[in-house]
C-alpha atoms as a PDB file:
ATOM      1  CA  MET A   1     144.874  32.470  96.307  1.00  0.00           C
ATOM      2  CA  LYS A   2     145.632  33.944  99.374  1.00  0.00           C
ATOM      3  CA  ARG A   3     146.754  31.941 102.387  1.00  0.00           C
ATOM      4  CA  THR A   4     143.885  32.999 104.357  1.00  0.00           C
ATOM      5  CA  THR A   5     141.332  31.916 102.106  1.00  0.00           C
ATOM      6  CA  VAL A   6     142.617  28.500 101.457  1.00  0.00           C
ATOM      7  CA  ALA A   7     143.173  27.772 105.165  1.00  0.00           C
ATOM      8  CA  VAL A   8     139.703  28.595 105.804  1.00  0.00           C
ATOM      9  CA  LEU A   9     138.213  26.593 102.865  1.00  0.00           C
ATOM     10  CA  LEU A  10     140.212  23.625 103.554  1.00  0.00           C
ATOM     11  CA  SER A  11     138.917  23.829 107.359  1.00  0.00           C
ATOM     12  CA  THR A  12     135.220  24.395 106.644  1.00  0.00           C
ATOM     13  CA  LEU A  13     134.738  22.368 103.139  1.00  0.00           C
ATOM     14  CA  VAL A  14     137.521  19.634 103.805  1.00  0.00           C
ATOM     15  CA  ILE A  15     137.721  18.575 107.652  1.00  0.00           C
ATOM     16  CA  PRO A  16     138.215  20.574 110.192  1.00  0.00           C
ATOM     17  CA  GLY A  17     141.969  20.900 110.882  1.00  0.00           C
ATOM     18  CA  ALA A  18     143.010  20.864 107.260  1.00  0.00           C
ATOM     19  CA  GLY A  19     143.709  24.472 107.267  1.00  0.00           C
ATOM     20  CA  HIS A  20     145.906  24.084 110.146  1.00  0.00           C
ATOM     21  CA  VAL A  21     147.929  21.551 108.705  1.00  0.00           C
ATOM     22  CA  TYR A  22     148.252  23.469 105.441  1.00  0.00           C
ATOM     23  CA  LEU A  23     149.485  26.464 107.664  1.00  0.00           C
ATOM     24  CA  LYS A  24     152.264  24.011 109.137  1.00  0.00           C
ATOM     25  CA  LYS A  25     150.314  24.014 112.612  1.00  0.00           C
ATOM     26  CA  HIS A  26     150.206  20.045 112.538  1.00  0.00           C
ATOM     27  CA  LEU A  27     149.868  19.371 116.070  1.00  0.00           C
ATOM     28  CA  ARG A  28     146.808  21.548 116.486  1.00  0.00           C
ATOM     29  CA  GLY A  29     145.550  20.525 112.980  1.00  0.00           C
ATOM     30  CA  ILE A  30     145.936  16.813 113.829  1.00  0.00           C
ATOM     31  CA  ALA A  31     144.149  17.343 117.056  1.00  0.00           C
ATOM     32  CA  LEU A  32     141.172  19.005 115.412  1.00  0.00           C
ATOM     33  CA  ILE A  33     141.046  16.417 112.580  1.00  0.00           C
ATOM     34  CA  ILE A  34     140.780  13.756 115.361  1.00  0.00           C
ATOM     35  CA  VAL A  35     138.368  15.400 117.160  1.00  0.00           C
ATOM     36  CA  ALA A  36     136.132  15.790 114.097  1.00  0.00           C
ATOM     37  CA  LEU A  37     136.686  12.228 112.971  1.00  0.00           C
ATOM     38  CA  SER A  38     135.804  10.583 116.186  1.00  0.00           C
ATOM     39  CA  ALA A  39     132.407  12.925 116.631  1.00  0.00           C
ATOM     40  CA  VAL A  40     131.404  11.806 112.978  1.00  0.00           C
ATOM     41  CA  SER A  41     132.484   8.204 113.714  1.00  0.00           C
ATOM     42  CA  PHE A  42     130.436   7.845 116.737  1.00  0.00           C
ATOM     43  CA  LEU A  43     127.306   9.559 115.113  1.00  0.00           C
ATOM     44  CA  LEU A  44     127.570   7.432 112.058  1.00  0.00           C
ATOM     45  CA  VAL A  45     127.731   4.254 114.215  1.00  0.00           C
ATOM     46  CA  LYS A  46     124.650   5.359 116.274  1.00  0.00           C
ATOM     47  CA  ALA A  47     122.743   6.274 113.169  1.00  0.00           C
ATOM     48  CA  SER A  48     123.550   2.823 111.703  1.00  0.00           C
ATOM     49  CA  GLN A  49     122.609   0.842 114.906  1.00  0.00           C
ATOM     50  CA  LYS A  50     119.154   2.583 115.055  1.00  0.00           C
ATOM     51  CA  ALA A  51     118.570   2.230 111.396  1.00  0.00           C
ATOM     52  CA  LEU A  52     119.583  -1.442 112.018  1.00  0.00           C
ATOM     53  CA  ALA A  53     117.436  -1.609 114.760  1.00  0.00           C
ATOM     54  CA  ILE A  54     114.356  -0.442 112.839  1.00  0.00           C
ATOM     55  CA  SER A  55     114.748  -2.503 109.645  1.00  0.00           C
ATOM     56  CA  ASP A  56     114.951  -5.500 111.973  1.00  0.00           C
ATOM     57  CA  LYS A  57     111.578  -4.897 113.250  1.00  0.00           C
ATOM     58  CA  ILE A  58     110.311  -4.168 109.913  1.00  0.00           C
ATOM     59  CA  ILE A  59     111.596  -7.537 108.959  1.00  0.00           C
ATOM     60  CA  ALA A  60     110.489  -9.165 112.173  1.00  0.00           C
ATOM     61  CA  GLY A  61     106.796  -7.856 111.290  1.00  0.00           C
ATOM     62  CA  GLU A  62     106.660  -5.673 114.266  1.00  0.00           C
ATOM     63  CA  VAL A  63     106.527  -2.725 112.187  1.00  0.00           C
ATOM     64  CA  PRO A  64     104.262  -2.449 109.297  1.00  0.00           C
ATOM     65  CA  LEU A  65     105.872  -1.436 106.062  1.00  0.00           C
ATOM     66  CA  ASP A  66     104.124   1.860 106.160  1.00  0.00           C
ATOM     67  CA  MET A  67     105.734   5.300 106.066  1.00  0.00           C
ATOM     68  CA  LEU A  68     103.772   6.630 109.049  1.00  0.00           C
ATOM     69  CA  ALA A  69     104.557   3.465 111.241  1.00  0.00           C
ATOM     70  CA  ILE A  70     108.268   4.015 110.078  1.00  0.00           C
ATOM     71  CA  SER A  71     108.244   7.400 111.246  1.00  0.00           C
ATOM     72  CA  ALA A  72     106.951   6.708 114.450  1.00  0.00           C
ATOM     73  CA  GLN A  73     109.633   4.411 115.137  1.00  0.00           C
ATOM     74  CA  ILE A  74     112.479   6.948 113.936  1.00  0.00           C
ATOM     75  CA  GLN A  75     110.827   9.538 116.309  1.00  0.00           C
ATOM     76  CA  ASN A  76     110.702   6.742 119.050  1.00  0.00           C
ATOM     77  CA  ALA A  77     114.719   6.096 118.344  1.00  0.00           C
ATOM     78  CA  SER A  78     115.471   9.993 118.827  1.00  0.00           C
ATOM     79  CA  ASN A  79     113.884   9.797 122.429  1.00  0.00           C
ATOM     80  CA  SER A  80     115.996   7.207 123.511  1.00  0.00           C
ATOM     81  CA  PRO A  81     118.265   7.436 126.320  1.00  0.00           C
ATOM     82  CA  ASP A  82     121.601   7.959 124.544  1.00  0.00           C
ATOM     83  CA  ALA A  83     120.034  11.002 122.586  1.00  0.00           C
ATOM     84  CA  GLN A  84     121.350  13.514 124.617  1.00  0.00           C
ATOM     85  CA  LEU A  85     124.901  12.079 124.239  1.00  0.00           C
ATOM     86  CA  ILE A  86     124.242  12.056 120.519  1.00  0.00           C
ATOM     87  CA  ASN A  87     123.132  15.878 121.059  1.00  0.00           C
ATOM     88  CA  ILE A  88     126.748  16.483 122.725  1.00  0.00           C
ATOM     89  CA  VAL A  89     128.592  14.795 120.140  1.00  0.00           C
ATOM     90  CA  THR A  90     126.869  16.798 117.486  1.00  0.00           C
ATOM     91  CA  TRP A  91     127.735  20.124 119.173  1.00  0.00           C
ATOM     92  CA  VAL A  92     131.239  18.860 119.958  1.00  0.00           C
ATOM     93  CA  PHE A  93     131.743  18.254 116.008  1.00  0.00           C
ATOM     94  CA  PHE A  94     130.137  21.646 115.014  1.00  0.00           C
ATOM     95  CA  SER A  95     131.892  23.740 117.693  1.00  0.00           C
ATOM     96  CA  CYS A  96     135.165  21.849 116.467  1.00  0.00           C
ATOM     97  CA  TRP A  97     134.397  22.994 112.969  1.00  0.00           C
ATOM     98  CA  LEU A  98     133.515  26.562 113.850  1.00  0.00           C
ATOM     99  CA  ILE A  99     136.851  26.851 116.017  1.00  0.00           C
ATOM    100  CA  ALA A 100     138.866  25.383 113.062  1.00  0.00           C
ATOM    101  CA  ALA A 101     137.499  27.784 110.767  1.00  0.00           C
ATOM    102  CA  VAL A 102     138.085  30.929 112.957  1.00  0.00           C
ATOM    103  CA  ASP A 103     141.524  29.659 114.411  1.00  0.00           C
ATOM    104  CA  ALA A 104     142.494  29.118 110.642  1.00  0.00           C
ATOM    105  CA  TYR A 105     141.673  32.407 109.789  1.00  0.00           C
ATOM    106  CA  ARG A 106     143.430  33.980 112.732  1.00  0.00           C
ATOM    107  CA  LEU A 107     146.730  32.133 112.041  1.00  0.00           C
ATOM    108  CA  ALA A 108     146.735  32.959 108.325  1.00  0.00           C
ATOM    109  CA  ARG A 109     146.211  36.559 108.903  1.00  0.00           C
ATOM    110  CA  LYS A 110     148.910  36.520 111.538  1.00  0.00           C
ATOM    111  CA  LEU A 111     151.306  34.523 109.488  1.00  0.00           C
ATOM    112  CA  GLU A 112     150.691  37.108 106.308  1.00  0.00           C
ATOM    113  CA  SER A 113     151.348  40.032 108.330  1.00  0.00           C
ATOM    114  CA  VAL A 114     154.727  38.721 109.472  1.00  0.00           C
END
């Protein structure tokens, strides 16, 4: 398989930056990996906090064990003050993913032509 294909597949399917590490561009690859993992970690923490808050309300009896009531709570949670921050971090992650894939392709093509 060509280096271009491997680098792009690593950056898109494994983790953003993995293609750069494969291409021996370690500093750039590690930077992309750190940004991607930080964004995913933040999103997972926020999602688990919101799920825990909703489950606590269900256990306390504040929210009935009904799908419509739980759906309303989820909708209310997505309208919280930190929703904008969550959207920004999501965009950062997807931008990092796209940049990593395109840049890995560009670097691999450059290395193949040398």
